[in-house]
Each structure stands twice: as C-alpha cells, then as structure tokens.
Amino acid sequence: MRITLPSGTAAEVVHHESPKMGLVIAPDIFGLRPLFDDMVARFAEQWQMSVIAVEPFAQMDLGPEVEPRFAAVPQLRDDNHLRDLNEAADALKTDVVGLMGFCLGGMYCFKSSRTERFARIVSFYGMITLPNDWKSNTQGEPLAMLINGYADNVLAIIGGKDHYTPEADVAQLRATGAQVVVYPDAEHGFAHDASRPSHRIDDAHDAFTRTEKWLLSAL
C-alpha cells in the first residue's frame, strides 16, 4: 500500500498482522518502483515483519534513466533522508526496527548508523566513501558517520569486484567495527534485482539469509 510520510515523501508499506519487528528499506538509485513493492510484500511474508520502502528522491521527477539520478544525488540532504527513514520506522509501529538498503540506499544505511534508531542495519554494496561526483555540502561522508556512530549495529554485504567499494575502503569499513561479508566474485548490485546481468543466485540467497539472521539478532 502506498502511503505519504509526514514529510510528504512516498513509501510502500505492508503491515504484518503479528510482526517480529519492523524493517525499513532504502532503495537503490532508481527509487521506489514495482521491484521494491514486491520486495516489501515478500519480506513481510517470509520474515514475518512489517516492512516499508521509502522513495529517496522525494518531490523530484527524474524519470527512469540513471544519468539524471546520479546528477541529482548531490542535491539530496542527509538530514532530510534520515528524517524520512525515521518517519518510515515510526509508521511501522513496532518496538524494534531494522534498516536495509541497496547501492545509494546502502550508502544511506551507513549514514543512518549515526543514531540508535535502527537496532540492526544491513547495507548491500553501499558506497563507503562518497563518489567524487556526489560530493556537496549536504552530503556527509558515510565512513565518518560510521566512525562516530554505532557501526557495531551494521552488517555490510560487499561484492569483491564492485568498483564502488574498493579494497582500501572495505579495510576502513572493517576497522569501524561493522560486520563485513565479501562475496569475492560478485559485482555491484548482485543480490536484489534478478534482472541485472550481475545477479548471482547463490550469493544473493546467502546474503539474504545472513540479513534475516542479523536483523533478528536484535530481538
């Protein structure tokens, strides 16, 4: 079901009748779309959680092409995005809430570790340091927020061949105290979208199995 958060941002939510916990999903660069509608419904049923996914480009009409979306990232404000994720968590009305995100959303998972709102966080191939083209005065460094936040709540799912998460960045990520799992042969975006050429069925299954276990460890 589509809802509008108090901020005006769109979200897709499924309330489980007897949820173990709540889960907020931060989508990838392409935003809220049928892929994430299906994901919300699937994990609500399979994991017995109330689940909500939040549009990252609120009040922006960007279309389906990736180039305008990449160009729009520097305009996003960390505080506004964290506000939307927190409002989504409130909408679930569960005592315990986790956060899971992919690509751009995975980067915002790292940034969300600066507060204790999310008991467990899972970042799928999130950028550990800001790409140069995304730097702006409204975008903080994910790594710095991990260092100064609650990195021990974070599980990072990384592809060993992902150019967005080079080995040096992964080493710094480990040093924060975050849990890191690297799939050596995986590229960026290998888990959440089966239509992508980089999708790896076995690695994706393993990653989501680990994710469920990590989220439920908060209980």
N, C-alpha and C. Protein backbone atom coordinates (compact mmCIF):
# COMPACT_ATOMS: atom_id res chain seq x y z
N MET A 1 0.84 -1.19 0.00
CA MET A 1 0.00 0.00 0.00
C MET A 1 0.88 1.25 0.00
N ARG A 2 0.59 2.16 -0.90
CA ARG A 2 1.32 3.43 -0.94
C ARG A 2 0.79 4.35 0.15
N ILE A 3 1.73 4.98 0.86
CA ILE A 3 1.37 6.00 1.84
C ILE A 3 2.26 7.21 1.62
N THR A 4 1.90 8.31 2.25
CA THR A 4 2.72 9.50 2.25
C THR A 4 3.17 9.78 3.68
N LEU A 5 4.46 9.88 3.88
CA LEU A 5 5.00 10.16 5.20
C LEU A 5 4.70 11.61 5.58
N PRO A 6 4.80 11.96 6.87
CA PRO A 6 4.53 13.35 7.27
C PRO A 6 5.36 14.38 6.50
N SER A 7 6.55 13.98 6.06
CA SER A 7 7.41 14.89 5.29
C SER A 7 6.90 15.13 3.88
N GLY A 8 5.96 14.30 3.42
CA GLY A 8 5.48 14.36 2.05
C GLY A 8 6.10 13.34 1.12
N THR A 9 7.01 12.53 1.65
CA THR A 9 7.71 11.52 0.87
C THR A 9 6.87 10.26 0.73
N ALA A 10 6.88 9.67 -0.47
CA ALA A 10 6.11 8.46 -0.73
C ALA A 10 6.81 7.23 -0.15
N ALA A 11 6.01 6.26 0.26
CA ALA A 11 6.53 5.00 0.79
C ALA A 11 5.56 3.88 0.47
N GLU A 12 6.08 2.66 0.40
CA GLU A 12 5.28 1.46 0.20
C GLU A 12 5.37 0.63 1.47
N VAL A 13 4.22 0.24 2.05
CA VAL A 13 4.22 -0.43 3.34
C VAL A 13 3.31 -1.65 3.33
N VAL A 14 3.74 -2.69 4.03
CA VAL A 14 2.90 -3.85 4.34
C VAL A 14 3.03 -4.10 5.84
N HIS A 15 1.89 -4.08 6.53
CA HIS A 15 1.87 -4.35 7.96
C HIS A 15 1.56 -5.83 8.18
N HIS A 16 2.49 -6.54 8.81
CA HIS A 16 2.25 -7.93 9.17
C HIS A 16 1.31 -7.97 10.37
N GLU A 17 0.43 -8.96 10.40
CA GLU A 17 -0.56 -9.00 11.48
C GLU A 17 0.07 -9.29 12.84
N SER A 18 1.23 -9.96 12.84
CA SER A 18 1.92 -10.24 14.10
C SER A 18 3.43 -10.15 13.86
N PRO A 19 3.94 -8.94 13.68
CA PRO A 19 5.34 -8.79 13.26
C PRO A 19 6.35 -9.11 14.36
N LYS A 20 7.42 -9.77 13.94
CA LYS A 20 8.54 -9.97 14.86
C LYS A 20 9.25 -8.65 15.14
N MET A 21 9.31 -7.80 14.10
CA MET A 21 9.95 -6.50 14.20
C MET A 21 9.56 -5.70 12.96
N GLY A 22 10.04 -4.50 12.84
CA GLY A 22 9.82 -3.69 11.66
C GLY A 22 11.09 -3.61 10.83
N LEU A 23 10.92 -3.36 9.53
CA LEU A 23 12.05 -3.23 8.62
C LEU A 23 11.80 -2.09 7.64
N VAL A 24 12.72 -1.13 7.61
CA VAL A 24 12.70 -0.05 6.63
C VAL A 24 13.68 -0.40 5.52
N ILE A 25 13.26 -0.19 4.27
CA ILE A 25 14.11 -0.45 3.11
C ILE A 25 14.43 0.86 2.42
N ALA A 26 15.73 1.08 2.17
CA ALA A 26 16.21 2.24 1.41
C ALA A 26 16.57 1.78 0.01
N PRO A 27 15.79 2.14 -1.01
CA PRO A 27 16.01 1.62 -2.37
C PRO A 27 17.30 2.12 -3.01
N ASP A 28 17.58 1.56 -4.18
CA ASP A 28 18.76 1.92 -4.96
C ASP A 28 18.51 3.22 -5.73
N ILE A 29 19.41 3.55 -6.63
CA ILE A 29 19.38 4.83 -7.35
C ILE A 29 18.10 5.02 -8.16
N PHE A 30 17.43 3.92 -8.52
CA PHE A 30 16.23 4.03 -9.35
C PHE A 30 14.96 4.24 -8.53
N GLY A 31 15.08 4.23 -7.21
CA GLY A 31 13.99 4.63 -6.35
C GLY A 31 12.88 3.60 -6.19
N LEU A 32 11.78 4.09 -5.63
CA LEU A 32 10.61 3.26 -5.33
C LEU A 32 9.92 2.88 -6.64
N ARG A 33 9.74 1.57 -6.84
CA ARG A 33 9.17 1.05 -8.09
C ARG A 33 8.66 -0.36 -7.83
N PRO A 34 8.05 -1.03 -8.83
CA PRO A 34 7.48 -2.35 -8.57
C PRO A 34 8.45 -3.36 -7.95
N LEU A 35 9.74 -3.28 -8.28
CA LEU A 35 10.72 -4.17 -7.67
C LEU A 35 10.65 -4.08 -6.15
N PHE A 36 10.55 -2.86 -5.63
CA PHE A 36 10.53 -2.68 -4.18
C PHE A 36 9.15 -2.90 -3.59
N ASP A 37 8.10 -2.66 -4.36
CA ASP A 37 6.76 -3.05 -3.90
C ASP A 37 6.73 -4.55 -3.64
N ASP A 38 7.28 -5.31 -4.59
CA ASP A 38 7.31 -6.77 -4.44
C ASP A 38 8.21 -7.19 -3.28
N MET A 39 9.33 -6.50 -3.12
CA MET A 39 10.25 -6.83 -2.04
C MET A 39 9.61 -6.61 -0.68
N VAL A 40 8.90 -5.50 -0.52
CA VAL A 40 8.21 -5.22 0.74
C VAL A 40 7.24 -6.34 1.07
N ALA A 41 6.43 -6.72 0.10
CA ALA A 41 5.43 -7.78 0.33
C ALA A 41 6.11 -9.12 0.62
N ARG A 42 7.19 -9.41 -0.11
CA ARG A 42 7.85 -10.71 0.04
C ARG A 42 8.48 -10.86 1.42
N PHE A 43 9.21 -9.85 1.85
CA PHE A 43 9.88 -9.97 3.14
C PHE A 43 8.90 -9.83 4.31
N ALA A 44 7.82 -9.12 4.11
CA ALA A 44 6.79 -9.08 5.16
C ALA A 44 6.26 -10.49 5.41
N GLU A 45 6.05 -11.23 4.32
CA GLU A 45 5.53 -12.60 4.45
C GLU A 45 6.60 -13.57 4.91
N GLN A 46 7.75 -13.56 4.26
CA GLN A 46 8.78 -14.56 4.53
C GLN A 46 9.44 -14.35 5.90
N TRP A 47 9.68 -13.11 6.26
CA TRP A 47 10.39 -12.81 7.51
C TRP A 47 9.45 -12.44 8.65
N GLN A 48 8.16 -12.39 8.36
CA GLN A 48 7.16 -12.06 9.37
C GLN A 48 7.48 -10.72 10.05
N MET A 49 7.66 -9.73 9.22
CA MET A 49 7.95 -8.38 9.68
C MET A 49 6.99 -7.40 9.01
N SER A 50 6.76 -6.27 9.65
CA SER A 50 6.14 -5.15 8.96
C SER A 50 7.24 -4.40 8.23
N VAL A 51 7.01 -4.11 6.93
CA VAL A 51 8.09 -3.63 6.07
C VAL A 51 7.63 -2.39 5.30
N ILE A 52 8.55 -1.45 5.15
CA ILE A 52 8.25 -0.22 4.41
C ILE A 52 9.47 0.18 3.60
N ALA A 53 9.25 0.62 2.36
CA ALA A 53 10.32 1.13 1.50
C ALA A 53 10.04 2.60 1.21
N VAL A 54 11.11 3.41 1.18
CA VAL A 54 10.99 4.87 1.13
C VAL A 54 11.62 5.43 -0.14
N GLU A 55 10.90 6.30 -0.84
CA GLU A 55 11.43 6.95 -2.04
C GLU A 55 12.61 7.86 -1.68
N PRO A 56 13.79 7.66 -2.29
CA PRO A 56 14.94 8.50 -1.94
C PRO A 56 14.93 9.88 -2.59
N PHE A 57 14.26 10.03 -3.74
CA PHE A 57 14.25 11.30 -4.46
C PHE A 57 12.88 11.97 -4.30
N ALA A 58 12.59 12.37 -3.08
CA ALA A 58 11.29 12.96 -2.78
C ALA A 58 11.09 14.26 -3.55
N GLN A 59 9.87 14.43 -4.08
CA GLN A 59 9.49 15.64 -4.81
C GLN A 59 10.39 15.94 -6.01
N MET A 60 11.02 14.91 -6.58
CA MET A 60 11.81 15.08 -7.80
C MET A 60 11.21 14.20 -8.88
N ASP A 61 11.07 14.74 -10.09
CA ASP A 61 10.56 13.98 -11.22
C ASP A 61 11.74 13.71 -12.15
N LEU A 62 12.38 12.55 -11.97
CA LEU A 62 13.65 12.28 -12.63
C LEU A 62 13.54 11.32 -13.81
N GLY A 63 12.46 10.58 -13.91
CA GLY A 63 12.35 9.62 -14.98
C GLY A 63 13.17 8.37 -14.72
N PRO A 64 13.17 7.42 -15.68
CA PRO A 64 13.79 6.12 -15.45
C PRO A 64 15.28 6.05 -15.75
N GLU A 65 15.84 7.06 -16.42
CA GLU A 65 17.25 6.99 -16.82
C GLU A 65 18.17 7.25 -15.64
N VAL A 66 19.33 6.59 -15.64
CA VAL A 66 20.22 6.67 -14.49
C VAL A 66 20.99 8.00 -14.43
N GLU A 67 21.31 8.60 -15.59
CA GLU A 67 22.17 9.79 -15.58
C GLU A 67 21.57 10.95 -14.78
N PRO A 68 20.28 11.31 -14.99
CA PRO A 68 19.72 12.40 -14.18
C PRO A 68 19.68 12.06 -12.69
N ARG A 69 19.56 10.80 -12.37
CA ARG A 69 19.51 10.38 -10.97
C ARG A 69 20.88 10.53 -10.31
N PHE A 70 21.92 10.11 -11.01
CA PHE A 70 23.26 10.32 -10.49
C PHE A 70 23.53 11.81 -10.29
N ALA A 71 23.09 12.62 -11.26
CA ALA A 71 23.32 14.06 -11.18
C ALA A 71 22.55 14.70 -10.04
N ALA A 72 21.44 14.08 -9.63
CA ALA A 72 20.60 14.66 -8.57
C ALA A 72 21.09 14.32 -7.17
N VAL A 73 21.95 13.31 -7.02
CA VAL A 73 22.37 12.87 -5.68
C VAL A 73 23.00 14.00 -4.87
N PRO A 74 23.86 14.87 -5.44
CA PRO A 74 24.43 15.94 -4.63
C PRO A 74 23.40 16.91 -4.06
N GLN A 75 22.20 16.92 -4.64
CA GLN A 75 21.14 17.81 -4.14
C GLN A 75 20.42 17.23 -2.92
N LEU A 76 20.57 15.92 -2.70
CA LEU A 76 19.93 15.29 -1.55
C LEU A 76 20.57 15.76 -0.26
N ARG A 77 19.77 15.84 0.78
CA ARG A 77 20.26 16.30 2.07
C ARG A 77 20.22 15.14 3.06
N ASP A 78 21.36 14.88 3.70
CA ASP A 78 21.43 13.78 4.65
C ASP A 78 20.35 13.87 5.73
N ASP A 79 20.17 15.05 6.27
CA ASP A 79 19.20 15.20 7.36
C ASP A 79 17.79 14.89 6.90
N ASN A 80 17.44 15.31 5.69
CA ASN A 80 16.10 15.02 5.16
C ASN A 80 15.91 13.53 4.93
N HIS A 81 16.96 12.88 4.43
CA HIS A 81 16.83 11.45 4.15
C HIS A 81 16.71 10.66 5.45
N LEU A 82 17.51 11.01 6.44
CA LEU A 82 17.39 10.33 7.73
C LEU A 82 16.03 10.60 8.36
N ARG A 83 15.52 11.80 8.21
CA ARG A 83 14.17 12.11 8.70
C ARG A 83 13.13 11.20 8.06
N ASP A 84 13.23 11.01 6.74
CA ASP A 84 12.26 10.15 6.05
C ASP A 84 12.36 8.70 6.52
N LEU A 85 13.58 8.21 6.71
CA LEU A 85 13.75 6.84 7.19
C LEU A 85 13.20 6.69 8.61
N ASN A 86 13.40 7.70 9.43
CA ASN A 86 12.86 7.66 10.79
C ASN A 86 11.33 7.72 10.79
N GLU A 87 10.75 8.55 9.93
CA GLU A 87 9.29 8.62 9.83
C GLU A 87 8.73 7.28 9.33
N ALA A 88 9.44 6.64 8.43
CA ALA A 88 9.01 5.32 7.95
C ALA A 88 9.05 4.31 9.09
N ALA A 89 10.10 4.36 9.90
CA ALA A 89 10.19 3.47 11.06
C ALA A 89 9.02 3.70 12.01
N ASP A 90 8.67 4.95 12.24
CA ASP A 90 7.55 5.26 13.13
C ASP A 90 6.24 4.71 12.58
N ALA A 91 6.10 4.73 11.25
CA ALA A 91 4.86 4.28 10.62
C ALA A 91 4.63 2.78 10.81
N LEU A 92 5.69 2.03 11.09
CA LEU A 92 5.54 0.58 11.27
C LEU A 92 4.95 0.21 12.62
N LYS A 93 5.13 1.10 13.61
CA LYS A 93 4.55 0.91 14.95
C LYS A 93 5.02 -0.40 15.59
N THR A 94 6.31 -0.70 15.43
CA THR A 94 6.91 -1.86 16.09
C THR A 94 7.95 -1.37 17.09
N ASP A 95 8.17 -2.15 18.13
CA ASP A 95 9.14 -1.75 19.16
C ASP A 95 10.57 -1.75 18.63
N VAL A 96 10.87 -2.70 17.76
CA VAL A 96 12.21 -2.84 17.21
C VAL A 96 12.14 -2.67 15.69
N VAL A 97 13.07 -1.87 15.15
CA VAL A 97 13.09 -1.61 13.71
C VAL A 97 14.50 -1.78 13.18
N GLY A 98 14.62 -2.48 12.05
CA GLY A 98 15.88 -2.59 11.33
C GLY A 98 15.83 -1.80 10.04
N LEU A 99 16.98 -1.68 9.41
CA LEU A 99 17.12 -0.91 8.17
C LEU A 99 17.95 -1.73 7.19
N MET A 100 17.49 -1.78 5.94
CA MET A 100 18.22 -2.47 4.88
C MET A 100 18.19 -1.61 3.64
N GLY A 101 19.34 -1.49 2.96
CA GLY A 101 19.37 -0.66 1.76
C GLY A 101 20.34 -1.17 0.72
N PHE A 102 20.18 -0.66 -0.51
CA PHE A 102 20.91 -1.17 -1.67
C PHE A 102 21.52 -0.01 -2.44
N CYS A 103 22.82 -0.13 -2.77
CA CYS A 103 23.50 0.87 -3.58
C CYS A 103 23.42 2.24 -2.90
N LEU A 104 22.74 3.21 -3.50
CA LEU A 104 22.53 4.50 -2.86
C LEU A 104 21.90 4.31 -1.48
N GLY A 105 20.90 3.44 -1.40
CA GLY A 105 20.27 3.16 -0.12
C GLY A 105 21.21 2.49 0.86
N GLY A 106 22.14 1.67 0.33
CA GLY A 106 23.15 1.07 1.19
C GLY A 106 24.08 2.12 1.77
N MET A 107 24.40 3.13 0.97
CA MET A 107 25.20 4.25 1.48
C MET A 107 24.46 4.96 2.61
N TYR A 108 23.16 5.17 2.42
CA TYR A 108 22.38 5.83 3.47
C TYR A 108 22.21 4.95 4.69
N CYS A 109 22.32 3.64 4.51
CA CYS A 109 22.35 2.76 5.69
C CYS A 109 23.58 3.07 6.54
N PHE A 110 24.74 3.21 5.89
CA PHE A 110 25.94 3.57 6.64
C PHE A 110 25.74 4.90 7.36
N LYS A 111 25.17 5.87 6.66
CA LYS A 111 24.96 7.19 7.27
C LYS A 111 23.97 7.13 8.43
N SER A 112 23.00 6.23 8.34
CA SER A 112 21.99 6.12 9.39
C SER A 112 22.53 5.50 10.66
N SER A 113 23.73 4.96 10.62
CA SER A 113 24.34 4.40 11.83
C SER A 113 24.73 5.49 12.82
N ARG A 114 24.57 6.74 12.45
CA ARG A 114 24.92 7.83 13.38
C ARG A 114 23.92 7.96 14.52
N THR A 115 22.76 7.29 14.42
CA THR A 115 21.79 7.28 15.52
C THR A 115 21.50 5.84 15.92
N GLU A 116 20.82 5.68 17.05
CA GLU A 116 20.45 4.35 17.53
C GLU A 116 19.03 3.96 17.14
N ARG A 117 18.42 4.71 16.22
CA ARG A 117 17.02 4.43 15.87
C ARG A 117 16.85 3.02 15.31
N PHE A 118 17.83 2.56 14.54
CA PHE A 118 17.73 1.25 13.90
C PHE A 118 18.59 0.25 14.66
N ALA A 119 17.92 -0.78 15.20
CA ALA A 119 18.61 -1.75 16.05
C ALA A 119 19.62 -2.56 15.27
N ARG A 120 19.33 -2.85 14.01
CA ARG A 120 20.25 -3.53 13.12
C ARG A 120 20.14 -2.90 11.74
N ILE A 121 21.28 -2.79 11.07
CA ILE A 121 21.35 -2.17 9.75
C ILE A 121 22.09 -3.12 8.81
N VAL A 122 21.56 -3.27 7.60
CA VAL A 122 22.23 -4.09 6.59
C VAL A 122 22.39 -3.25 5.32
N SER A 123 23.63 -3.03 4.94
CA SER A 123 23.95 -2.27 3.73
C SER A 123 24.42 -3.22 2.64
N PHE A 124 23.67 -3.27 1.55
CA PHE A 124 24.09 -4.03 0.38
C PHE A 124 24.84 -3.09 -0.57
N TYR A 125 26.12 -3.37 -0.75
CA TYR A 125 27.00 -2.64 -1.67
C TYR A 125 26.80 -1.12 -1.63
N GLY A 126 26.70 -0.60 -0.40
CA GLY A 126 26.64 0.85 -0.22
C GLY A 126 28.02 1.48 -0.36
N MET A 127 28.06 2.70 -0.86
CA MET A 127 29.32 3.41 -1.01
C MET A 127 29.87 3.75 0.37
N ILE A 128 31.09 3.35 0.63
CA ILE A 128 31.72 3.57 1.94
C ILE A 128 32.28 4.99 2.03
N THR A 129 32.79 5.47 0.91
CA THR A 129 33.20 6.87 0.79
C THR A 129 32.43 7.47 -0.38
N LEU A 130 32.15 8.76 -0.31
CA LEU A 130 31.35 9.41 -1.35
C LEU A 130 32.08 9.43 -2.69
N PRO A 131 31.43 9.00 -3.77
CA PRO A 131 32.00 9.22 -5.10
C PRO A 131 32.21 10.72 -5.34
N ASN A 132 33.24 11.06 -6.06
CA ASN A 132 33.57 12.48 -6.26
C ASN A 132 32.41 13.27 -6.85
N ASP A 133 31.68 12.66 -7.77
CA ASP A 133 30.58 13.37 -8.43
C ASP A 133 29.39 13.60 -7.50
N TRP A 134 29.37 12.96 -6.34
CA TRP A 134 28.26 13.12 -5.42
C TRP A 134 28.58 14.08 -4.28
N LYS A 135 29.79 14.57 -4.22
CA LYS A 135 30.17 15.41 -3.08
C LYS A 135 29.48 16.77 -3.14
N SER A 136 28.97 17.20 -1.99
CA SER A 136 28.34 18.51 -1.88
C SER A 136 28.29 18.87 -0.39
N ASN A 137 27.86 20.09 -0.09
CA ASN A 137 27.81 20.49 1.31
C ASN A 137 26.60 19.93 2.05
N THR A 138 25.76 19.15 1.35
CA THR A 138 24.63 18.48 2.01
C THR A 138 24.86 16.98 2.14
N GLN A 139 26.02 16.51 1.69
CA GLN A 139 26.34 15.09 1.72
C GLN A 139 27.56 14.85 2.61
N GLY A 140 27.34 14.18 3.75
CA GLY A 140 28.44 13.81 4.62
C GLY A 140 29.07 12.50 4.19
N GLU A 141 30.26 12.24 4.70
CA GLU A 141 30.98 11.01 4.36
C GLU A 141 30.40 9.83 5.15
N PRO A 142 29.99 8.76 4.46
CA PRO A 142 29.46 7.58 5.17
C PRO A 142 30.45 7.03 6.19
N LEU A 143 31.72 6.94 5.82
CA LEU A 143 32.72 6.37 6.72
C LEU A 143 32.83 7.18 8.01
N ALA A 144 32.79 8.49 7.90
CA ALA A 144 32.88 9.33 9.09
C ALA A 144 31.70 9.11 10.02
N MET A 145 30.51 8.92 9.46
CA MET A 145 29.33 8.69 10.28
C MET A 145 29.39 7.33 10.96
N LEU A 146 29.98 6.35 10.28
CA LEU A 146 30.19 5.05 10.91
C LEU A 146 31.17 5.16 12.07
N ILE A 147 32.25 5.87 11.85
CA ILE A 147 33.28 6.01 12.88
C ILE A 147 32.72 6.69 14.12
N ASN A 148 31.87 7.67 13.91
CA ASN A 148 31.33 8.47 15.02
C ASN A 148 29.97 7.98 15.50
N GLY A 149 29.48 6.87 14.91
CA GLY A 149 28.14 6.38 15.25
C GLY A 149 28.17 5.00 15.87
N TYR A 150 27.24 4.17 15.42
CA TYR A 150 27.02 2.85 16.00
C TYR A 150 27.29 1.78 14.95
N ALA A 151 28.55 1.69 14.54
CA ALA A 151 28.95 0.78 13.47
C ALA A 151 28.74 -0.67 13.86
N ASP A 152 28.73 -0.96 15.16
CA ASP A 152 28.56 -2.36 15.57
C ASP A 152 27.16 -2.87 15.30
N ASN A 153 26.24 -2.00 14.91
CA ASN A 153 24.89 -2.42 14.51
C ASN A 153 24.81 -2.78 13.03
N VAL A 154 25.92 -2.63 12.30
CA VAL A 154 25.90 -2.68 10.83
C VAL A 154 26.49 -3.98 10.31
N LEU A 155 25.77 -4.58 9.35
CA LEU A 155 26.28 -5.66 8.52
C LEU A 155 26.40 -5.13 7.10
N ALA A 156 27.59 -5.23 6.51
CA ALA A 156 27.83 -4.76 5.15
C ALA A 156 28.01 -5.95 4.22
N ILE A 157 27.21 -5.98 3.17
CA ILE A 157 27.29 -7.01 2.13
C ILE A 157 28.02 -6.38 0.95
N ILE A 158 29.17 -6.96 0.58
CA ILE A 158 30.06 -6.34 -0.40
C ILE A 158 30.38 -7.32 -1.52
N GLY A 159 30.44 -6.81 -2.75
CA GLY A 159 30.92 -7.60 -3.88
C GLY A 159 32.41 -7.38 -4.06
N GLY A 160 33.16 -8.47 -4.17
CA GLY A 160 34.61 -8.35 -4.29
C GLY A 160 35.07 -7.67 -5.56
N LYS A 161 34.20 -7.61 -6.60
CA LYS A 161 34.54 -6.97 -7.86
C LYS A 161 33.75 -5.68 -8.07
N ASP A 162 33.26 -5.10 -6.99
CA ASP A 162 32.46 -3.87 -7.06
C ASP A 162 33.39 -2.66 -7.02
N HIS A 163 33.42 -1.88 -8.10
CA HIS A 163 34.34 -0.73 -8.15
C HIS A 163 33.91 0.38 -7.21
N TYR A 164 32.66 0.34 -6.72
CA TYR A 164 32.22 1.36 -5.75
C TYR A 164 32.75 1.09 -4.34
N THR A 165 33.21 -0.12 -4.09
CA THR A 165 33.72 -0.47 -2.76
C THR A 165 35.11 -1.10 -2.89
N PRO A 166 36.12 -0.29 -3.21
CA PRO A 166 37.47 -0.82 -3.39
C PRO A 166 38.02 -1.39 -2.08
N GLU A 167 39.04 -2.22 -2.22
CA GLU A 167 39.59 -2.95 -1.08
C GLU A 167 40.03 -2.03 0.04
N ALA A 168 40.61 -0.89 -0.30
CA ALA A 168 41.07 0.05 0.73
C ALA A 168 39.90 0.58 1.55
N ASP A 169 38.77 0.86 0.88
CA ASP A 169 37.58 1.33 1.59
C ASP A 169 37.01 0.23 2.49
N VAL A 170 37.02 -1.00 1.98
CA VAL A 170 36.50 -2.12 2.77
C VAL A 170 37.34 -2.32 4.03
N ALA A 171 38.65 -2.14 3.92
CA ALA A 171 39.52 -2.26 5.09
C ALA A 171 39.16 -1.20 6.14
N GLN A 172 38.89 0.02 5.69
CA GLN A 172 38.48 1.07 6.63
C GLN A 172 37.11 0.77 7.24
N LEU A 173 36.24 0.18 6.44
CA LEU A 173 34.92 -0.20 6.94
C LEU A 173 35.05 -1.24 8.05
N ARG A 174 35.88 -2.23 7.85
CA ARG A 174 36.10 -3.25 8.89
C ARG A 174 36.61 -2.62 10.17
N ALA A 175 37.48 -1.63 10.03
CA ALA A 175 38.09 -1.00 11.19
C ALA A 175 37.09 -0.26 12.06
N THR A 176 35.91 0.07 11.52
CA THR A 176 34.89 0.76 12.32
C THR A 176 34.21 -0.16 13.31
N GLY A 177 34.34 -1.47 13.11
CA GLY A 177 33.63 -2.44 13.94
C GLY A 177 32.40 -3.02 13.28
N ALA A 178 32.08 -2.54 12.07
CA ALA A 178 30.97 -3.13 11.32
C ALA A 178 31.32 -4.56 10.91
N GLN A 179 30.28 -5.40 10.81
CA GLN A 179 30.45 -6.74 10.28
C GLN A 179 30.47 -6.66 8.75
N VAL A 180 31.43 -7.29 8.12
CA VAL A 180 31.58 -7.21 6.66
C VAL A 180 31.64 -8.61 6.07
N VAL A 181 30.81 -8.85 5.07
CA VAL A 181 30.84 -10.11 4.33
C VAL A 181 31.10 -9.77 2.86
N VAL A 182 32.19 -10.34 2.32
CA VAL A 182 32.57 -10.08 0.94
C VAL A 182 32.32 -11.34 0.10
N TYR A 183 31.64 -11.15 -1.02
CA TYR A 183 31.43 -12.22 -2.00
C TYR A 183 32.43 -11.99 -3.12
N PRO A 184 33.50 -12.78 -3.17
CA PRO A 184 34.67 -12.45 -3.99
C PRO A 184 34.39 -12.23 -5.47
N ASP A 185 33.49 -12.99 -6.05
CA ASP A 185 33.25 -12.91 -7.49
C ASP A 185 32.08 -12.02 -7.87
N ALA A 186 31.49 -11.35 -6.88
CA ALA A 186 30.29 -10.56 -7.14
C ALA A 186 30.63 -9.12 -7.53
N GLU A 187 29.81 -8.58 -8.43
CA GLU A 187 29.91 -7.18 -8.83
C GLU A 187 28.82 -6.37 -8.13
N HIS A 188 28.78 -5.09 -8.44
CA HIS A 188 27.80 -4.21 -7.82
C HIS A 188 26.38 -4.66 -8.17
N GLY A 189 25.49 -4.64 -7.19
CA GLY A 189 24.08 -4.93 -7.43
C GLY A 189 23.78 -6.40 -7.66
N PHE A 190 24.57 -7.29 -7.06
CA PHE A 190 24.44 -8.71 -7.38
C PHE A 190 23.28 -9.42 -6.70
N ALA A 191 22.61 -8.78 -5.74
CA ALA A 191 21.67 -9.54 -4.90
C ALA A 191 20.20 -9.20 -5.07
N HIS A 192 19.85 -7.94 -5.23
CA HIS A 192 18.45 -7.55 -5.01
C HIS A 192 17.58 -7.50 -6.26
N ASP A 193 18.20 -7.54 -7.45
CA ASP A 193 17.42 -7.39 -8.68
C ASP A 193 17.83 -8.50 -9.64
N ALA A 194 16.97 -9.50 -9.79
CA ALA A 194 17.28 -10.67 -10.61
C ALA A 194 17.40 -10.34 -12.09
N SER A 195 16.93 -9.17 -12.52
CA SER A 195 17.01 -8.81 -13.93
C SER A 195 18.38 -8.24 -14.31
N ARG A 196 19.21 -7.95 -13.32
CA ARG A 196 20.52 -7.37 -13.62
C ARG A 196 21.50 -8.44 -14.09
N PRO A 197 22.37 -8.11 -15.06
CA PRO A 197 23.37 -9.07 -15.52
C PRO A 197 24.31 -9.53 -14.40
N SER A 198 24.48 -8.69 -13.39
CA SER A 198 25.39 -9.01 -12.29
C SER A 198 24.77 -9.93 -11.23
N HIS A 199 23.48 -10.26 -11.40
CA HIS A 199 22.80 -11.04 -10.36
C HIS A 199 23.43 -12.42 -10.20
N ARG A 200 23.61 -12.82 -8.93
CA ARG A 200 24.21 -14.11 -8.60
C ARG A 200 23.26 -14.83 -7.63
N ILE A 201 22.61 -15.87 -8.11
CA ILE A 201 21.53 -16.51 -7.36
C ILE A 201 22.01 -17.04 -6.02
N ASP A 202 23.08 -17.80 -6.02
CA ASP A 202 23.54 -18.42 -4.77
C ASP A 202 24.05 -17.38 -3.78
N ASP A 203 24.83 -16.43 -4.28
CA ASP A 203 25.34 -15.38 -3.39
C ASP A 203 24.19 -14.54 -2.83
N ALA A 204 23.19 -14.25 -3.67
CA ALA A 204 22.04 -13.47 -3.20
C ALA A 204 21.29 -14.22 -2.11
N HIS A 205 21.07 -15.52 -2.31
CA HIS A 205 20.38 -16.32 -1.30
C HIS A 205 21.15 -16.31 0.01
N ASP A 206 22.45 -16.49 -0.06
CA ASP A 206 23.28 -16.48 1.14
C ASP A 206 23.23 -15.12 1.83
N ALA A 207 23.31 -14.05 1.04
CA ALA A 207 23.31 -12.71 1.61
C ALA A 207 22.01 -12.40 2.33
N PHE A 208 20.88 -12.79 1.74
CA PHE A 208 19.60 -12.51 2.39
C PHE A 208 19.37 -13.42 3.59
N THR A 209 19.91 -14.62 3.56
CA THR A 209 19.84 -15.48 4.75
C THR A 209 20.60 -14.85 5.90
N ARG A 210 21.79 -14.33 5.62
CA ARG A 210 22.58 -13.64 6.63
C ARG A 210 21.85 -12.38 7.13
N THR A 211 21.21 -11.69 6.20
CA THR A 211 20.49 -10.47 6.55
C THR A 211 19.37 -10.75 7.55
N GLU A 212 18.56 -11.74 7.25
CA GLU A 212 17.47 -12.08 8.16
C GLU A 212 18.00 -12.42 9.56
N LYS A 213 19.04 -13.23 9.60
CA LYS A 213 19.62 -13.62 10.89
C LYS A 213 20.15 -12.40 11.64
N TRP A 214 20.82 -11.49 10.92
CA TRP A 214 21.37 -10.29 11.54
C TRP A 214 20.25 -9.40 12.09
N LEU A 215 19.21 -9.20 11.30
CA LEU A 215 18.10 -8.37 11.75
C LEU A 215 17.46 -8.95 13.02
N LEU A 216 17.19 -10.24 12.99
CA LEU A 216 16.51 -10.88 14.12
C LEU A 216 17.39 -10.98 15.36
N SER A 217 18.70 -10.80 15.19
CA SER A 217 19.58 -10.81 16.36
C SER A 217 19.35 -9.63 17.28
N ALA A 218 18.57 -8.65 16.81
CA ALA A 218 18.23 -7.50 17.66
C ALA A 218 17.19 -7.85 18.71
N LEU A 219 16.50 -8.97 18.54
CA LEU A 219 15.39 -9.31 19.43
C LEU A 219 15.88 -10.01 20.69
